């Protein structure tokens, strides 16, 4: 945790209460913080700042002299449409995309998405993973996450609403390298990126996405794990 994020109801006047057990454990055991130390904190959905530790107990840490004066970093002007991955991978991807500052995340069904993934209890913990990503990236504003279990209706009816300029679909068998695609309009990054499951999109899905203006691009001759593909593509927005 690079900052401690708290909901609005934990703040009062110039003070705040930290009652989450994971946050308390991190402050006391990892940071080895003591009474009088200054912590970097933030209000979920609000500003970032600092607070001074006034008291520490097993159940609560009281802060005083809280000042929240710094705006959170801007979001990427980007939507990631991601084929729902394996449950173990989902946590890391949500954390990473949140920390990187992705504005919208759409988890979608695909031909290669196993039906059991939609019954995973991990989907009930998305807020938890988002919080971890925000605290890692020192941000306060959560990405908007939507679940779409029907691929074709979403692509045909809703996908265009997410495209502000250009859109791409990552496809390892595309003849167009991502680097070459970017050179066409180097000052305009795509506003939407579609990333498939471990086995990628099937041809039908790529064709349907293409009808909505998504150009297929390849990020190299190797077929990557979903986490590697996400980080390889989104790294371009950080340059």
Foldseek 3Di string as FASTA:
>chain_A
DQAAEDEPVQDDDQKGKDFDQVVLCCVCPVVVDDQQDKGWYYYAVFFTWIWGFHDDDNGMTMTGRHDGDHAFDAADLAEEEEAQEALVVVLVVLLQNLLLRHAAYEHEHAPPDDPVSVVDCSVVCSVVSNSNSCSNNVGRYGHHYYYYHDQLCCLVPPPLVQWPDAAAEEDLPDPAAPVNVCVVPVVDDTRYYYFYAQVTHDPVSRVSNVVSHHHYHYNDNDRDHRVVVVCSVSVVVVD
